[in-house]
Amino acid sequence: SFINRLPKGQKVAFFSTHGSLRGGILPKQAFEHAVSLAMNAKVVGQFGCRGQVRTEVIESLMKKPEHAAWANEAQGASGHPDAHDLADGKAFAQEIINKIEI
């Protein structure tokens, strides 16, 4: 509902952490959905990086066939975000600052 209420022309950047592989289909779909909700806004960027998922969440989702593939992928996100992820996030933030200052 927050995204839907953005004023017309509002500049917005989306970012997230997730257990999925960076650049994978699941985060891509999530960003596409967010952008589709921001029809009035001007999306100036998007950034996603892996984030560690709690073990109990993974274990719960592994029991559901429709979520098992994602839960399996999320097991590899342990230790994220790491220094490389944070450096990429910092670069993204600077890129967005430069875009909105223009």
N, C-alpha and C. Protein backbone atom coordinates (compact mmCIF):
# COMPACT_ATOMS: atom_id res chain seq x y z
N SER A 1 0.83 -1.21 0.00
CA SER A 1 0.00 0.00 0.00
C SER A 1 0.86 1.26 0.00
N PHE A 2 2.04 1.20 0.64
CA PHE A 2 2.94 2.35 0.65
C PHE A 2 3.37 2.73 -0.76
N ILE A 3 3.78 1.73 -1.53
CA ILE A 3 4.25 1.99 -2.89
C ILE A 3 3.13 2.57 -3.74
N ASN A 4 1.94 2.04 -3.60
CA ASN A 4 0.79 2.53 -4.37
C ASN A 4 0.47 4.00 -4.08
N ARG A 5 0.82 4.47 -2.89
CA ARG A 5 0.48 5.84 -2.49
C ARG A 5 1.58 6.86 -2.81
N LEU A 6 2.64 6.44 -3.46
CA LEU A 6 3.70 7.40 -3.79
C LEU A 6 3.15 8.48 -4.72
N PRO A 7 3.49 9.73 -4.47
CA PRO A 7 2.99 10.81 -5.32
C PRO A 7 3.51 10.71 -6.75
N LYS A 8 2.74 11.24 -7.67
CA LYS A 8 3.12 11.24 -9.08
C LYS A 8 4.48 11.92 -9.24
N GLY A 9 5.39 11.24 -9.94
CA GLY A 9 6.71 11.79 -10.20
C GLY A 9 7.72 11.60 -9.08
N GLN A 10 7.28 11.05 -7.94
CA GLN A 10 8.19 10.83 -6.82
C GLN A 10 9.33 9.91 -7.25
N LYS A 11 10.56 10.31 -7.00
CA LYS A 11 11.71 9.46 -7.30
C LYS A 11 11.84 8.43 -6.18
N VAL A 12 12.04 7.17 -6.57
CA VAL A 12 12.15 6.09 -5.60
C VAL A 12 13.18 5.08 -6.08
N ALA A 13 13.90 4.51 -5.13
CA ALA A 13 14.84 3.41 -5.41
C ALA A 13 14.45 2.25 -4.51
N PHE A 14 14.44 1.06 -5.07
CA PHE A 14 14.10 -0.13 -4.31
C PHE A 14 15.38 -0.88 -3.95
N PHE A 15 15.42 -1.38 -2.72
CA PHE A 15 16.54 -2.23 -2.31
C PHE A 15 16.01 -3.31 -1.38
N SER A 16 16.70 -4.44 -1.38
CA SER A 16 16.29 -5.53 -0.49
C SER A 16 17.45 -6.47 -0.22
N THR A 17 17.32 -7.18 0.88
CA THR A 17 18.16 -8.34 1.12
C THR A 17 17.24 -9.55 1.02
N HIS A 18 17.80 -10.66 0.59
CA HIS A 18 17.00 -11.85 0.37
C HIS A 18 17.91 -13.07 0.37
N GLY A 19 17.35 -14.22 0.56
CA GLY A 19 18.13 -15.45 0.57
C GLY A 19 18.44 -15.99 -0.80
N SER A 20 17.79 -15.45 -1.82
CA SER A 20 17.98 -15.95 -3.19
C SER A 20 19.32 -15.55 -3.75
N LEU A 21 19.70 -16.22 -4.82
CA LEU A 21 20.92 -15.85 -5.52
C LEU A 21 20.76 -14.45 -6.11
N ARG A 22 21.80 -13.69 -6.02
CA ARG A 22 21.78 -12.35 -6.57
C ARG A 22 21.60 -12.43 -8.08
N GLY A 23 20.63 -11.69 -8.59
CA GLY A 23 20.35 -11.74 -10.01
C GLY A 23 19.46 -12.91 -10.40
N GLY A 24 19.01 -13.68 -9.40
CA GLY A 24 18.15 -14.83 -9.67
C GLY A 24 16.73 -14.41 -10.03
N ILE A 25 15.94 -15.39 -10.42
CA ILE A 25 14.58 -15.14 -10.89
C ILE A 25 13.68 -14.61 -9.77
N LEU A 26 13.81 -15.11 -8.54
CA LEU A 26 12.91 -14.69 -7.46
C LEU A 26 13.08 -13.20 -7.09
N PRO A 27 14.30 -12.73 -6.86
CA PRO A 27 14.41 -11.29 -6.59
C PRO A 27 14.04 -10.45 -7.80
N LYS A 28 14.32 -10.95 -9.00
CA LYS A 28 13.95 -10.21 -10.21
C LYS A 28 12.43 -10.03 -10.25
N GLN A 29 11.69 -11.10 -9.96
CA GLN A 29 10.23 -11.01 -9.96
C GLN A 29 9.73 -10.06 -8.87
N ALA A 30 10.37 -10.08 -7.72
CA ALA A 30 9.97 -9.19 -6.64
C ALA A 30 10.16 -7.72 -7.03
N PHE A 31 11.30 -7.42 -7.65
CA PHE A 31 11.53 -6.04 -8.10
C PHE A 31 10.55 -5.64 -9.20
N GLU A 32 10.28 -6.56 -10.13
CA GLU A 32 9.31 -6.26 -11.19
C GLU A 32 7.95 -5.94 -10.59
N HIS A 33 7.57 -6.70 -9.56
CA HIS A 33 6.29 -6.45 -8.91
C HIS A 33 6.29 -5.08 -8.23
N ALA A 34 7.36 -4.76 -7.53
CA ALA A 34 7.45 -3.45 -6.86
C ALA A 34 7.37 -2.32 -7.87
N VAL A 35 8.07 -2.45 -8.97
CA VAL A 35 8.04 -1.41 -10.01
C VAL A 35 6.63 -1.27 -10.58
N SER A 36 5.93 -2.40 -10.75
CA SER A 36 4.57 -2.33 -11.29
C SER A 36 3.62 -1.62 -10.33
N LEU A 37 3.90 -1.69 -9.04
CA LEU A 37 3.07 -0.99 -8.06
C LEU A 37 3.36 0.50 -8.02
N ALA A 38 4.53 0.90 -8.47
CA ALA A 38 4.97 2.30 -8.42
C ALA A 38 4.66 3.01 -9.73
N MET A 39 3.47 2.82 -10.23
CA MET A 39 3.11 3.36 -11.54
C MET A 39 3.20 4.89 -11.60
N ASN A 40 2.95 5.57 -10.49
CA ASN A 40 3.00 7.03 -10.48
C ASN A 40 4.41 7.55 -10.25
N ALA A 41 5.26 6.74 -9.66
CA ALA A 41 6.59 7.18 -9.27
C ALA A 41 7.60 7.00 -10.41
N LYS A 42 8.74 7.63 -10.23
CA LYS A 42 9.85 7.46 -11.15
C LYS A 42 10.89 6.59 -10.45
N VAL A 43 11.02 5.35 -10.89
CA VAL A 43 11.96 4.42 -10.28
C VAL A 43 13.35 4.72 -10.83
N VAL A 44 14.27 5.10 -9.94
CA VAL A 44 15.61 5.49 -10.37
C VAL A 44 16.65 4.40 -10.16
N GLY A 45 16.24 3.29 -9.54
CA GLY A 45 17.18 2.19 -9.37
C GLY A 45 16.62 1.09 -8.48
N GLN A 46 17.33 -0.02 -8.51
CA GLN A 46 16.97 -1.14 -7.65
C GLN A 46 18.23 -1.93 -7.33
N PHE A 47 18.28 -2.44 -6.11
CA PHE A 47 19.46 -3.17 -5.65
C PHE A 47 19.02 -4.28 -4.72
N GLY A 48 19.52 -5.46 -4.94
CA GLY A 48 19.27 -6.58 -4.06
C GLY A 48 20.55 -7.33 -3.76
N CYS A 49 20.67 -7.81 -2.56
CA CYS A 49 21.82 -8.64 -2.22
C CYS A 49 21.36 -9.75 -1.29
N ARG A 50 22.16 -10.77 -1.22
CA ARG A 50 21.82 -11.90 -0.36
C ARG A 50 21.86 -11.49 1.09
N GLY A 51 20.97 -12.07 1.84
CA GLY A 51 20.92 -11.86 3.28
C GLY A 51 20.64 -13.19 3.94
N GLN A 52 21.26 -13.42 5.05
CA GLN A 52 21.10 -14.68 5.75
C GLN A 52 19.65 -14.86 6.20
N VAL A 53 19.14 -16.05 6.03
CA VAL A 53 17.77 -16.38 6.41
C VAL A 53 17.82 -17.27 7.65
N ARG A 54 16.97 -16.97 8.62
CA ARG A 54 16.95 -17.75 9.86
C ARG A 54 16.70 -19.24 9.56
N THR A 55 17.41 -20.09 10.24
CA THR A 55 17.33 -21.53 10.04
C THR A 55 15.91 -22.05 10.20
N GLU A 56 15.19 -21.55 11.20
CA GLU A 56 13.82 -22.04 11.42
C GLU A 56 12.89 -21.67 10.26
N VAL A 57 13.15 -20.56 9.59
CA VAL A 57 12.36 -20.18 8.42
C VAL A 57 12.64 -21.15 7.27
N ILE A 58 13.92 -21.41 7.05
CA ILE A 58 14.30 -22.35 5.99
C ILE A 58 13.70 -23.73 6.26
N GLU A 59 13.83 -24.21 7.48
CA GLU A 59 13.30 -25.54 7.83
C GLU A 59 11.79 -25.60 7.61
N SER A 60 11.09 -24.56 7.97
CA SER A 60 9.64 -24.53 7.79
C SER A 60 9.27 -24.55 6.30
N LEU A 61 9.98 -23.76 5.51
CA LEU A 61 9.67 -23.69 4.08
C LEU A 61 10.08 -24.94 3.33
N MET A 62 11.08 -25.67 3.83
CA MET A 62 11.50 -26.91 3.17
C MET A 62 10.38 -27.95 3.20
N LYS A 63 9.45 -27.82 4.13
CA LYS A 63 8.34 -28.76 4.27
C LYS A 63 7.23 -28.49 3.26
N LYS A 64 7.32 -27.36 2.57
CA LYS A 64 6.29 -26.98 1.60
C LYS A 64 6.88 -27.09 0.20
N PRO A 65 6.37 -28.03 -0.60
CA PRO A 65 6.96 -28.25 -1.93
C PRO A 65 7.07 -26.98 -2.78
N GLU A 66 6.10 -26.09 -2.67
CA GLU A 66 6.13 -24.87 -3.49
C GLU A 66 7.22 -23.89 -3.06
N HIS A 67 7.79 -24.09 -1.87
CA HIS A 67 8.85 -23.19 -1.37
C HIS A 67 10.20 -23.89 -1.21
N ALA A 68 10.24 -25.18 -1.44
CA ALA A 68 11.46 -25.95 -1.17
C ALA A 68 12.65 -25.48 -2.00
N ALA A 69 12.44 -25.14 -3.26
CA ALA A 69 13.56 -24.71 -4.11
C ALA A 69 14.17 -23.42 -3.56
N TRP A 70 13.31 -22.47 -3.17
CA TRP A 70 13.83 -21.21 -2.61
C TRP A 70 14.53 -21.47 -1.29
N ALA A 71 13.93 -22.28 -0.43
CA ALA A 71 14.53 -22.57 0.87
C ALA A 71 15.89 -23.23 0.70
N ASN A 72 16.00 -24.11 -0.27
CA ASN A 72 17.28 -24.76 -0.55
C ASN A 72 18.31 -23.73 -0.99
N GLU A 73 17.91 -22.81 -1.84
CA GLU A 73 18.80 -21.75 -2.31
C GLU A 73 19.22 -20.84 -1.15
N ALA A 74 18.28 -20.57 -0.25
CA ALA A 74 18.55 -19.66 0.87
C ALA A 74 19.57 -20.22 1.84
N GLN A 75 19.75 -21.53 1.86
CA GLN A 75 20.75 -22.12 2.76
C GLN A 75 22.15 -21.60 2.44
N GLY A 76 22.39 -21.23 1.19
CA GLY A 76 23.71 -20.73 0.80
C GLY A 76 23.94 -19.27 1.13
N ALA A 77 22.95 -18.62 1.73
CA ALA A 77 23.08 -17.19 2.04
C ALA A 77 23.72 -16.93 3.39
N SER A 78 24.12 -17.98 4.08
CA SER A 78 24.76 -17.81 5.38
C SER A 78 25.98 -16.90 5.25
N GLY A 79 26.09 -15.96 6.17
CA GLY A 79 27.23 -15.03 6.16
C GLY A 79 27.00 -13.78 5.32
N HIS A 80 25.83 -13.67 4.73
CA HIS A 80 25.50 -12.49 3.93
C HIS A 80 24.54 -11.60 4.71
N PRO A 81 24.57 -10.32 4.47
CA PRO A 81 25.46 -9.63 3.55
C PRO A 81 26.89 -9.62 4.08
N ASP A 82 27.81 -9.78 3.16
CA ASP A 82 29.23 -9.77 3.51
C ASP A 82 29.86 -8.45 3.06
N ALA A 83 31.16 -8.34 3.21
CA ALA A 83 31.85 -7.09 2.89
C ALA A 83 31.65 -6.70 1.42
N HIS A 84 31.66 -7.67 0.54
CA HIS A 84 31.46 -7.40 -0.89
C HIS A 84 30.04 -6.85 -1.12
N ASP A 85 29.05 -7.49 -0.49
CA ASP A 85 27.66 -7.02 -0.61
C ASP A 85 27.53 -5.58 -0.11
N LEU A 86 28.16 -5.30 1.03
CA LEU A 86 28.08 -3.95 1.61
C LEU A 86 28.75 -2.92 0.71
N ALA A 87 29.88 -3.28 0.11
CA ALA A 87 30.56 -2.37 -0.81
C ALA A 87 29.68 -2.09 -2.03
N ASP A 88 29.02 -3.13 -2.54
CA ASP A 88 28.11 -2.95 -3.67
C ASP A 88 26.92 -2.07 -3.27
N GLY A 89 26.41 -2.27 -2.06
CA GLY A 89 25.31 -1.44 -1.57
C GLY A 89 25.71 0.02 -1.44
N LYS A 90 26.92 0.25 -0.97
CA LYS A 90 27.42 1.62 -0.84
C LYS A 90 27.54 2.27 -2.22
N ALA A 91 28.04 1.53 -3.19
CA ALA A 91 28.16 2.06 -4.56
C ALA A 91 26.78 2.37 -5.14
N PHE A 92 25.80 1.48 -4.88
CA PHE A 92 24.44 1.72 -5.34
C PHE A 92 23.88 2.99 -4.71
N ALA A 93 24.07 3.16 -3.42
CA ALA A 93 23.56 4.35 -2.73
C ALA A 93 24.17 5.61 -3.33
N GLN A 94 25.46 5.60 -3.62
CA GLN A 94 26.10 6.77 -4.21
C GLN A 94 25.55 7.04 -5.60
N GLU A 95 25.32 5.99 -6.36
CA GLU A 95 24.74 6.12 -7.70
C GLU A 95 23.36 6.78 -7.62
N ILE A 96 22.55 6.36 -6.67
CA ILE A 96 21.21 6.93 -6.51
C ILE A 96 21.29 8.38 -6.06
N ILE A 97 22.18 8.69 -5.16
CA ILE A 97 22.35 10.08 -4.71
C ILE A 97 22.71 10.95 -5.91
N ASN A 98 23.61 10.47 -6.75
CA ASN A 98 24.01 11.23 -7.93
C ASN A 98 22.83 11.42 -8.87
N LYS A 99 21.98 10.41 -9.02
CA LYS A 99 20.83 10.51 -9.91
C LYS A 99 19.79 11.51 -9.41
N ILE A 100 19.55 11.52 -8.10
CA ILE A 100 18.49 12.39 -7.60
C ILE A 100 18.94 13.83 -7.41
N GLU A 101 20.24 14.05 -7.40
CA GLU A 101 20.75 15.41 -7.26
C GLU A 101 20.72 16.17 -8.59
N ILE A 102 20.54 15.44 -9.67
CA ILE A 102 20.55 16.06 -11.00
C ILE A 102 19.26 16.79 -11.23
